[in-house]
């Protein structure tokens, strides 16, 4: 259970939240980010009854808001079977580059009951930290107070080196995740394109979900390439100068004829 949750002030100015979220959506989304059941992994166990008591909403309203945040806004997933909440963008804003944070997340992940949610979290661990999916870590780290260490230049360099330093196994894990999204969207990329996509997004800190990043990359691939300007040859310059000279003489002669008239 987290004691404190940091919410960026940009939450209120985010285009998606500002334009598409109703006041109820905003309130309930903030609740999923800040309630006392949240964990560092971004996946936690919580029942409908608990959500009803803590938000003051009845069962129908809670179910409706879960459906809206899931299907309409795509920011959470909820398993009624395991009573677990998964916050999809949690990892981008709450996971620092610290090895201790990584170890804490990996130690939590095996206890996630939903296989789909557990796989999602470990896929993000693999991409963020270059860490094999099935590996567990025995270090005991408190997840009640996530580290808020400043991002130094050393940490930034470390993050950019994750893809190059990770094992072949964890690279394969990232590639599998991308391939699954490509199959779902019907895109066909070469192995080289997939590697370039993963390397680029790893270097830039994965600013969006895999599916969103794949769509953006695909769109960019089909943009018409700008033609590079070609430098004129000396012959072309001479011909252009001759043309301009003749045109100027013609205008002067025409002007002179008009004046004489």
C-alpha atoms as a PDB file:
ATOM      1  CA  UNK A   1       0.000   0.000   0.000  1.00  0.00           C
ATOM      2  CA  UNK A   2       1.369   3.396  -0.993  1.00  0.00           C
ATOM      3  CA  UNK A   3       1.428   6.181   1.600  1.00  0.00           C
ATOM      4  CA  UNK A   4       1.960   8.968  -0.907  1.00  0.00           C
ATOM      5  CA  UNK A   5       1.175   9.315  -4.612  1.00  0.00           C
ATOM      6  CA  UNK A   6       2.650  12.063  -6.736  1.00  0.00           C
ATOM      7  CA  UNK A   7       0.289  13.462  -9.360  1.00  0.00           C
ATOM      8  CA  UNK A   8       1.726  15.903 -11.869  1.00  0.00           C
ATOM      9  CA  UNK A   9      -0.077  19.233 -12.255  1.00  0.00           C
ATOM     10  CA  UNK A  10      -0.106  18.525 -15.998  1.00  0.00           C
ATOM     11  CA  UNK A  11      -2.883  16.013 -15.283  1.00  0.00           C
ATOM     12  CA  UNK A  12      -5.325  18.909 -15.523  1.00  0.00           C
ATOM     13  CA  UNK A  13      -3.884  20.344 -18.738  1.00  0.00           C
ATOM     14  CA  UNK A  14      -3.434  17.033 -20.552  1.00  0.00           C
ATOM     15  CA  UNK A  15      -5.337  17.296 -23.834  1.00  0.00           C
ATOM     16  CA  UNK A  16      -7.012  13.915 -23.472  1.00  0.00           C
ATOM     17  CA  UNK A  17      -8.175  14.570 -19.912  1.00  0.00           C
ATOM     18  CA  UNK A  18      -9.170  18.179 -20.561  1.00  0.00           C
ATOM     19  CA  UNK A  19     -11.125  17.499 -23.753  1.00  0.00           C
ATOM     20  CA  UNK A  20     -12.613  14.041 -23.236  1.00  0.00           C
ATOM     21  CA  UNK A  21     -12.978  13.353 -19.508  1.00  0.00           C
ATOM     22  CA  UNK A  22     -16.169  14.270 -17.673  1.00  0.00           C
ATOM     23  CA  UNK A  23     -15.855  15.549 -14.068  1.00  0.00           C
ATOM     24  CA  UNK A  24     -16.809  12.044 -12.898  1.00  0.00           C
ATOM     25  CA  UNK A  25     -14.141  10.520 -15.165  1.00  0.00           C
ATOM     26  CA  UNK A  26     -11.478  12.816 -13.729  1.00  0.00           C
ATOM     27  CA  UNK A  27     -12.476  12.090 -10.155  1.00  0.00           C
ATOM     28  CA  UNK A  28     -12.536   8.341 -10.626  1.00  0.00           C
ATOM     29  CA  UNK A  29      -9.281   8.309 -12.607  1.00  0.00           C
ATOM     30  CA  UNK A  30      -7.585  10.293  -9.825  1.00  0.00           C
ATOM     31  CA  UNK A  31      -8.995   7.763  -7.382  1.00  0.00           C
ATOM     32  CA  UNK A  32      -7.385   4.860  -9.309  1.00  0.00           C
ATOM     33  CA  UNK A  33      -4.049   6.715  -9.135  1.00  0.00           C
ATOM     34  CA  UNK A  34      -4.142   7.746  -5.479  1.00  0.00           C
ATOM     35  CA  UNK A  35      -6.234   5.271  -3.491  1.00  0.00           C
ATOM     36  CA  UNK A  36      -4.536   3.489  -0.551  1.00  0.00           C
ATOM     37  CA  UNK A  37      -4.398   0.137  -2.362  1.00  0.00           C
ATOM     38  CA  UNK A  38      -2.048   1.246  -5.167  1.00  0.00           C
ATOM     39  CA  UNK A  39       1.303  -0.474  -5.573  1.00  0.00           C
ATOM     40  CA  UNK A  40       4.556   0.451  -7.269  1.00  0.00           C
ATOM     41  CA  UNK A  41       3.791  -2.048 -10.034  1.00  0.00           C
ATOM     42  CA  UNK A  42       0.684  -0.100 -11.046  1.00  0.00           C
ATOM     43  CA  UNK A  43      -1.457  -3.194 -10.498  1.00  0.00           C
ATOM     44  CA  UNK A  44      -3.284  -3.782  -7.244  1.00  0.00           C
ATOM     45  CA  UNK A  45      -6.136  -5.755  -5.709  1.00  0.00           C
ATOM     46  CA  UNK A  46      -9.320  -3.843  -4.978  1.00  0.00           C
ATOM     47  CA  UNK A  47     -12.956  -4.939  -4.835  1.00  0.00           C
ATOM     48  CA  UNK A  48     -16.059  -3.192  -6.119  1.00  0.00           C
ATOM     49  CA  UNK A  49     -17.286  -2.825  -2.528  1.00  0.00           C
ATOM     50  CA  UNK A  50     -14.088  -1.035  -1.554  1.00  0.00           C
ATOM     51  CA  UNK A  51     -14.402   1.336  -4.514  1.00  0.00           C
ATOM     52  CA  UNK A  52     -18.026   2.019  -3.616  1.00  0.00           C
ATOM     53  CA  UNK A  53     -17.203   2.839   0.012  1.00  0.00           C
ATOM     54  CA  UNK A  54     -14.165   4.979  -0.773  1.00  0.00           C
ATOM     55  CA  UNK A  55     -15.641   6.992  -3.664  1.00  0.00           C
ATOM     56  CA  UNK A  56     -19.203   7.242  -2.379  1.00  0.00           C
ATOM     57  CA  UNK A  57     -20.593   5.881  -5.651  1.00  0.00           C
ATOM     58  CA  UNK A  58     -23.044   3.005  -5.900  1.00  0.00           C
ATOM     59  CA  UNK A  59     -22.225  -0.271  -7.665  1.00  0.00           C
ATOM     60  CA  UNK A  60     -23.738   0.699 -11.029  1.00  0.00           C
ATOM     61  CA  UNK A  61     -21.832   4.000 -11.153  1.00  0.00           C
ATOM     62  CA  UNK A  62     -18.522   2.349 -10.258  1.00  0.00           C
ATOM     63  CA  UNK A  63     -19.024  -0.275 -12.981  1.00  0.00           C
ATOM     64  CA  UNK A  64     -19.963   2.420 -15.497  1.00  0.00           C
ATOM     65  CA  UNK A  65     -16.875   4.488 -14.681  1.00  0.00           C
ATOM     66  CA  UNK A  66     -14.613   1.436 -14.885  1.00  0.00           C
ATOM     67  CA  UNK A  67     -16.057   0.738 -18.315  1.00  0.00           C
ATOM     68  CA  UNK A  68     -15.549   4.353 -19.439  1.00  0.00           C
ATOM     69  CA  UNK A  69     -11.921   4.531 -18.271  1.00  0.00           C
ATOM     70  CA  UNK A  70     -11.273   1.159 -19.903  1.00  0.00           C
ATOM     71  CA  UNK A  71     -13.164   1.206 -23.203  1.00  0.00           C
ATOM     72  CA  UNK A  72     -13.619   4.932 -23.883  1.00  0.00           C
ATOM     73  CA  UNK A  73     -10.357   6.376 -22.544  1.00  0.00           C
ATOM     74  CA  UNK A  74      -8.086   3.318 -22.479  1.00  0.00           C
ATOM     75  CA  UNK A  75      -6.278   4.242 -19.246  1.00  0.00           C
ATOM     76  CA  UNK A  76      -7.126   1.305 -16.969  1.00  0.00           C
ATOM     77  CA  UNK A  77      -8.090  -2.360 -17.027  1.00  0.00           C
ATOM     78  CA  UNK A  78     -10.097  -4.124 -14.330  1.00  0.00           C
ATOM     79  CA  UNK A  79     -10.448  -7.877 -13.750  1.00  0.00           C
ATOM     80  CA  UNK A  80     -13.722  -8.778 -12.083  1.00  0.00           C
ATOM     81  CA  UNK A  81     -12.420 -12.312 -11.723  1.00  0.00           C
ATOM     82  CA  UNK A  82      -9.299 -11.483  -9.700  1.00  0.00           C
ATOM     83  CA  UNK A  83     -10.536  -8.093  -8.415  1.00  0.00           C
ATOM     84  CA  UNK A  84      -7.397  -6.335  -9.672  1.00  0.00           C
ATOM     85  CA  UNK A  85      -6.941  -2.863 -11.139  1.00  0.00           C
ATOM     86  CA  UNK A  86      -4.232  -2.191 -13.742  1.00  0.00           C
ATOM     87  CA  UNK A  87      -3.282   1.444 -14.436  1.00  0.00           C
ATOM     88  CA  UNK A  88      -1.831   1.424 -17.949  1.00  0.00           C
ATOM     89  CA  UNK A  89       0.326   4.555 -17.831  1.00  0.00           C
ATOM     90  CA  UNK A  90       1.565   4.064 -14.274  1.00  0.00           C
ATOM     91  CA  UNK A  91       4.980   2.775 -15.324  1.00  0.00           C
ATOM     92  CA  UNK A  92       5.819   5.876 -17.357  1.00  0.00           C
ATOM     93  CA  UNK A  93       5.352   8.268 -14.422  1.00  0.00           C
ATOM     94  CA  UNK A  94       6.227   6.205 -11.361  1.00  0.00           C
ATOM     95  CA  UNK A  95       9.156   4.002 -12.330  1.00  0.00           C
ATOM     96  CA  UNK A  96      12.543   5.655 -11.902  1.00  0.00           C
ATOM     97  CA  UNK A  97      15.720   4.177 -13.340  1.00  0.00           C
ATOM     98  CA  UNK A  98      16.780   2.943  -9.905  1.00  0.00           C
ATOM     99  CA  UNK A  99      17.735  -0.730  -9.599  1.00  0.00           C
ATOM    100  CA  UNK A 100      15.956  -0.804  -6.221  1.00  0.00           C
ATOM    101  CA  UNK A 101      12.694   0.298  -7.833  1.00  0.00           C
ATOM    102  CA  UNK A 102      13.146  -2.324 -10.543  1.00  0.00           C
ATOM    103  CA  UNK A 103      13.772  -5.019  -7.910  1.00  0.00           C
ATOM    104  CA  UNK A 104      10.701  -3.948  -5.963  1.00  0.00           C
ATOM    105  CA  UNK A 105       8.483  -4.161  -9.038  1.00  0.00           C
ATOM    106  CA  UNK A 106       9.865  -7.581  -9.981  1.00  0.00           C
ATOM    107  CA  UNK A 107       9.247  -8.830  -6.444  1.00  0.00           C
ATOM    108  CA  UNK A 108       5.618  -7.666  -6.597  1.00  0.00           C
ATOM    109  CA  UNK A 109       4.820  -8.977 -10.077  1.00  0.00           C
ATOM    110  CA  UNK A 110       4.624 -12.743  -9.231  1.00  0.00           C
ATOM    111  CA  UNK A 111       1.784 -11.985  -6.807  1.00  0.00           C
ATOM    112  CA  UNK A 112      -0.402 -10.415  -9.508  1.00  0.00           C
ATOM    113  CA  UNK A 113      -3.219 -12.933  -9.969  1.00  0.00           C
ATOM    114  CA  UNK A 114      -4.334 -12.009 -13.469  1.00  0.00           C
ATOM    115  CA  UNK A 115      -1.957 -13.615 -15.940  1.00  0.00           C
ATOM    116  CA  UNK A 116      -2.678 -10.917 -18.517  1.00  0.00           C
ATOM    117  CA  UNK A 117      -1.937  -8.128 -16.016  1.00  0.00           C
ATOM    118  CA  UNK A 118       1.196  -9.876 -14.748  1.00  0.00           C
ATOM    119  CA  UNK A 119       2.491 -10.286 -18.290  1.00  0.00           C
ATOM    120  CA  UNK A 120       1.774  -6.600 -19.018  1.00  0.00           C
ATOM    121  CA  UNK A 121       3.780  -5.461 -15.973  1.00  0.00           C
ATOM    122  CA  UNK A 122       6.719  -7.746 -16.742  1.00  0.00           C
ATOM    123  CA  UNK A 123       6.727  -6.681 -20.388  1.00  0.00           C
ATOM    124  CA  UNK A 124       7.129  -3.088 -19.216  1.00  0.00           C
ATOM    125  CA  UNK A 125       9.881  -4.124 -16.807  1.00  0.00           C
ATOM    126  CA  UNK A 126      11.656  -5.806 -19.700  1.00  0.00           C
ATOM    127  CA  UNK A 127      11.373  -2.731 -21.905  1.00  0.00           C
ATOM    128  CA  UNK A 128      12.188  -0.199 -19.181  1.00  0.00           C
ATOM    129  CA  UNK A 129      14.985  -2.073 -17.460  1.00  0.00           C
ATOM    130  CA  UNK A 130      16.118  -4.758 -19.904  1.00  0.00           C
ATOM    131  CA  UNK A 131      15.002  -7.482 -17.501  1.00  0.00           C
ATOM    132  CA  UNK A 132      13.835 -10.994 -18.538  1.00  0.00           C
ATOM    133  CA  UNK A 133      10.114 -11.597 -17.990  1.00  0.00           C
ATOM    134  CA  UNK A 134      10.244 -14.834 -16.030  1.00  0.00           C
ATOM    135  CA  UNK A 135      13.099 -13.830 -13.713  1.00  0.00           C
ATOM    136  CA  UNK A 136      12.292 -13.146 -10.071  1.00  0.00           C
ATOM    137  CA  UNK A 137      14.320 -11.152  -7.617  1.00  0.00           C
ATOM    138  CA  UNK A 138      14.673 -12.081  -3.953  1.00  0.00           C
ATOM    139  CA  UNK A 139      15.637  -8.630  -2.710  1.00  0.00           C
ATOM    140  CA  UNK A 140      13.137  -7.289  -0.187  1.00  0.00           C
ATOM    141  CA  UNK A 141      12.424  -3.638  -0.874  1.00  0.00           C
ATOM    142  CA  UNK A 142       9.643  -1.569   0.666  1.00  0.00           C
ATOM    143  CA  UNK A 143       7.243  -0.346  -1.979  1.00  0.00           C
ATOM    144  CA  UNK A 144       5.334   1.973   0.339  1.00  0.00           C
ATOM    145  CA  UNK A 145       7.634   4.885  -0.363  1.00  0.00           C
ATOM    146  CA  UNK A 146       8.929   4.885  -3.962  1.00  0.00           C
ATOM    147  CA  UNK A 147      12.237   6.589  -4.509  1.00  0.00           C
ATOM    148  CA  UNK A 148      12.100  10.104  -5.868  1.00  0.00           C
ATOM    149  CA  UNK A 149      15.776  10.474  -6.694  1.00  0.00           C
ATOM    150  CA  UNK A 150      16.633  13.257  -9.139  1.00  0.00           C
ATOM    151  CA  UNK A 151      17.345  12.301 -12.731  1.00  0.00           C
ATOM    152  CA  UNK A 152      21.040  13.015 -13.042  1.00  0.00           C
ATOM    153  CA  UNK A 153      23.003  12.947 -16.271  1.00  0.00           C
ATOM    154  CA  UNK A 154      24.403   9.579 -15.215  1.00  0.00           C
ATOM    155  CA  UNK A 155      20.894   8.155 -14.833  1.00  0.00           C
ATOM    156  CA  UNK A 156      19.866   9.582 -18.196  1.00  0.00           C
ATOM    157  CA  UNK A 157      22.858   7.955 -19.874  1.00  0.00           C
ATOM    158  CA  UNK A 158      22.048   4.714 -18.082  1.00  0.00           C
ATOM    159  CA  UNK A 159      18.486   4.764 -19.390  1.00  0.00           C
ATOM    160  CA  UNK A 160      19.695   5.280 -22.958  1.00  0.00           C
ATOM    161  CA  UNK A 161      21.974   2.263 -22.614  1.00  0.00           C
ATOM    162  CA  UNK A 162      19.237  -0.141 -21.429  1.00  0.00           C
ATOM    163  CA  UNK A 163      18.491  -1.630 -24.817  1.00  0.00           C
ATOM    164  CA  UNK A 164      22.144  -2.164 -25.693  1.00  0.00           C
ATOM    165  CA  UNK A 165      23.005  -3.642 -22.304  1.00  0.00           C
ATOM    166  CA  UNK A 166      20.022  -5.975 -21.869  1.00  0.00           C
ATOM    167  CA  UNK A 167      20.334  -9.678 -22.498  1.00  0.00           C
ATOM    168  CA  UNK A 168      19.290 -11.363 -25.715  1.00  0.00           C
ATOM    169  CA  UNK A 169      16.438 -12.954 -23.792  1.00  0.00           C
ATOM    170  CA  UNK A 170      14.970  -9.625 -22.673  1.00  0.00           C
ATOM    171  CA  UNK A 171      15.366  -8.176 -26.161  1.00  0.00           C
ATOM    172  CA  UNK A 172      13.371 -11.119 -27.436  1.00  0.00           C
ATOM    173  CA  UNK A 173      10.684 -10.337 -24.861  1.00  0.00           C
ATOM    174  CA  UNK A 174      10.388  -6.745 -26.100  1.00  0.00           C
ATOM    175  CA  UNK A 175      10.298  -7.952 -29.703  1.00  0.00           C
ATOM    176  CA  UNK A 176       7.537 -10.443 -28.863  1.00  0.00           C
ATOM    177  CA  UNK A 177       5.428  -7.659 -27.345  1.00  0.00           C
ATOM    178  CA  UNK A 178       5.873  -5.492 -30.440  1.00  0.00           C
ATOM    179  CA  UNK A 179       5.124  -8.421 -32.767  1.00  0.00           C
ATOM    180  CA  UNK A 180       1.864  -9.124 -30.918  1.00  0.00           C
ATOM    181  CA  UNK A 181       0.778  -5.506 -31.385  1.00  0.00           C
ATOM    182  CA  UNK A 182       1.805  -5.570 -35.059  1.00  0.00           C
ATOM    183  CA  UNK A 183      -0.246  -8.724 -35.597  1.00  0.00           C
ATOM    184  CA  UNK A 184      -3.281  -7.167 -33.909  1.00  0.00           C
ATOM    185  CA  UNK A 185      -3.007  -3.981 -35.996  1.00  0.00           C
ATOM    186  CA  UNK A 186      -2.194  -5.845 -39.209  1.00  0.00           C
ATOM    187  CA  UNK A 187       1.131  -4.078 -39.787  1.00  0.00           C
ATOM    188  CA  UNK A 188       4.033  -5.837 -41.446  1.00  0.00           C
ATOM    189  CA  UNK A 189       7.517  -4.787 -40.324  1.00  0.00           C
ATOM    190  CA  UNK A 190      10.873  -6.338 -41.001  1.00  0.00           C
ATOM    191  CA  UNK A 191      13.039  -7.582 -38.128  1.00  0.00           C
ATOM    192  CA  UNK A 192      15.338  -4.601 -38.727  1.00  0.00           C
ATOM    193  CA  UNK A 193      12.393  -2.188 -38.456  1.00  0.00           C
ATOM    194  CA  UNK A 194      11.292  -3.748 -35.154  1.00  0.00           C
ATOM    195  CA  UNK A 195      14.816  -3.445 -33.726  1.00  0.00           C
ATOM    196  CA  UNK A 196      15.016   0.199 -34.803  1.00  0.00           C
ATOM    197  CA  UNK A 197      11.605   0.888 -33.229  1.00  0.00           C
ATOM    198  CA  UNK A 198      12.585  -0.681 -29.888  1.00  0.00           C
ATOM    199  CA  UNK A 199      15.994   1.009 -29.811  1.00  0.00           C
ATOM    200  CA  UNK A 200      14.504   4.439 -30.576  1.00  0.00           C
ATOM    201  CA  UNK A 201      11.740   4.224 -27.973  1.00  0.00           C
ATOM    202  CA  UNK A 202      14.070   2.788 -25.340  1.00  0.00           C
ATOM    203  CA  UNK A 203      16.479   5.670 -25.882  1.00  0.00           C
ATOM    204  CA  UNK A 204      13.665   8.206 -25.583  1.00  0.00           C
ATOM    205  CA  UNK A 205      12.076   6.611 -22.506  1.00  0.00           C
ATOM    206  CA  UNK A 206       8.905   5.097 -24.068  1.00  0.00           C
ATOM    207  CA  UNK A 207       6.725   8.206 -23.970  1.00  0.00           C
ATOM    208  CA  UNK A 208       3.562   6.281 -24.925  1.00  0.00           C
ATOM    209  CA  UNK A 209       2.011   2.828 -24.782  1.00  0.00           C
ATOM    210  CA  UNK A 210       3.413   0.215 -27.203  1.00  0.00           C
ATOM    211  CA  UNK A 211       0.287   0.225 -29.382  1.00  0.00           C
ATOM    212  CA  UNK A 212       0.250   4.031 -29.612  1.00  0.00           C
ATOM    213  CA  UNK A 213       3.974   4.095 -30.359  1.00  0.00           C
ATOM    214  CA  UNK A 214       3.572   1.470 -33.091  1.00  0.00           C
ATOM    215  CA  UNK A 215       0.752   3.459 -34.720  1.00  0.00           C
ATOM    216  CA  UNK A 216       2.825   6.653 -34.634  1.00  0.00           C
ATOM    217  CA  UNK A 217       5.849   4.843 -36.086  1.00  0.00           C
ATOM    218  CA  UNK A 218       3.738   3.268 -38.835  1.00  0.00           C
ATOM    219  CA  UNK A 219       2.216   6.630 -39.750  1.00  0.00           C
ATOM    220  CA  UNK A 220       5.664   8.190 -39.944  1.00  0.00           C
ATOM    221  CA  UNK A 221       6.916   5.373 -42.182  1.00  0.00           C
ATOM    222  CA  UNK A 222       4.371   6.243 -44.858  1.00  0.00           C
ATOM    223  CA  UNK A 223       4.941   9.985 -44.871  1.00  0.00           C
ATOM    224  CA  UNK A 224       6.153  11.135 -48.308  1.00  0.00           C
ATOM    225  CA  UNK A 225       9.831  11.893 -48.179  1.00  0.00           C
ATOM    226  CA  UNK A 226      10.766  15.464 -48.905  1.00  0.00           C
ATOM    227  CA  UNK A 227      12.736  15.901 -52.060  1.00  0.00           C
ATOM    228  CA  UNK A 228      16.207  17.137 -51.414  1.00  0.00           C
ATOM    229  CA  UNK A 229      17.041  20.378 -53.179  1.00  0.00           C
ATOM    230  CA  UNK A 230      19.532  19.960 -56.026  1.00  0.00           C
ATOM    231  CA  UNK A 231      22.260  22.470 -56.630  1.00  0.00           C
ATOM    232  CA  UNK A 232      22.127  23.982 -60.133  1.00  0.00           C
ATOM    233  CA  UNK A 233      24.968  23.244 -62.504  1.00  0.00           C
ATOM    234  CA  UNK A 234      27.024  26.078 -63.941  1.00  0.00           C
ATOM    235  CA  UNK A 235      25.467  25.462 -67.355  1.00  0.00           C
ATOM    236  CA  UNK A 236      21.980  25.829 -65.919  1.00  0.00           C
ATOM    237  CA  UNK A 237      23.017  29.045 -64.143  1.00  0.00           C
ATOM    238  CA  UNK A 238      24.421  30.460 -67.403  1.00  0.00           C
ATOM    239  CA  UNK A 239      21.248  29.539 -69.318  1.00  0.00           C
ATOM    240  CA  UNK A 240      19.103  31.156 -66.618  1.00  0.00           C
ATOM    241  CA  UNK A 241      21.198  34.341 -66.745  1.00  0.00           C
ATOM    242  CA  UNK A 242      20.895  34.446 -70.546  1.00  0.00           C
ATOM    243  CA  UNK A 243      17.136  34.062 -70.303  1.00  0.00           C
ATOM    244  CA  UNK A 244      16.867  36.856 -67.737  1.00  0.00           C
ATOM    245  CA  UNK A 245      19.082  39.110 -69.841  1.00  0.00           C
ATOM    246  CA  UNK A 246      16.908  38.601 -72.921  1.00  0.00           C
ATOM    247  CA  UNK A 247      13.729  39.114 -70.895  1.00  0.00           C
ATOM    248  CA  UNK A 248      15.089  42.364 -69.439  1.00  0.00           C
ATOM    249  CA  UNK A 249      16.053  43.680 -72.877  1.00  0.00           C
ATOM    250  CA  UNK A 250      12.608  42.788 -74.196  1.00  0.00           C
ATOM    251  CA  UNK A 251      10.922  44.692 -71.368  1.00  0.00           C
ATOM    252  CA  UNK A 252      13.180  47.724 -71.921  1.00  0.00           C
ATOM    253  CA  UNK A 253      12.481  47.728 -75.668  1.00  0.00           C
ATOM    254  CA  UNK A 254       8.763  47.402 -75.049  1.00  0.00           C
ATOM    255  CA  UNK A 255       8.861  50.236 -72.519  1.00  0.00           C
ATOM    256  CA  UNK A 256      10.812  52.410 -74.939  1.00  0.00           C
ATOM    257  CA  UNK A 257       8.257  51.783 -77.669  1.00  0.00           C
ATOM    258  CA  UNK A 258       5.467  52.795 -75.341  1.00  0.00           C
ATOM    259  CA  UNK A 259       7.236  56.028 -74.385  1.00  0.00           C
ATOM    260  CA  UNK A 260       7.788  56.924 -78.049  1.00  0.00           C
ATOM    261  CA  UNK A 261       4.109  56.448 -78.705  1.00  0.00           C
END
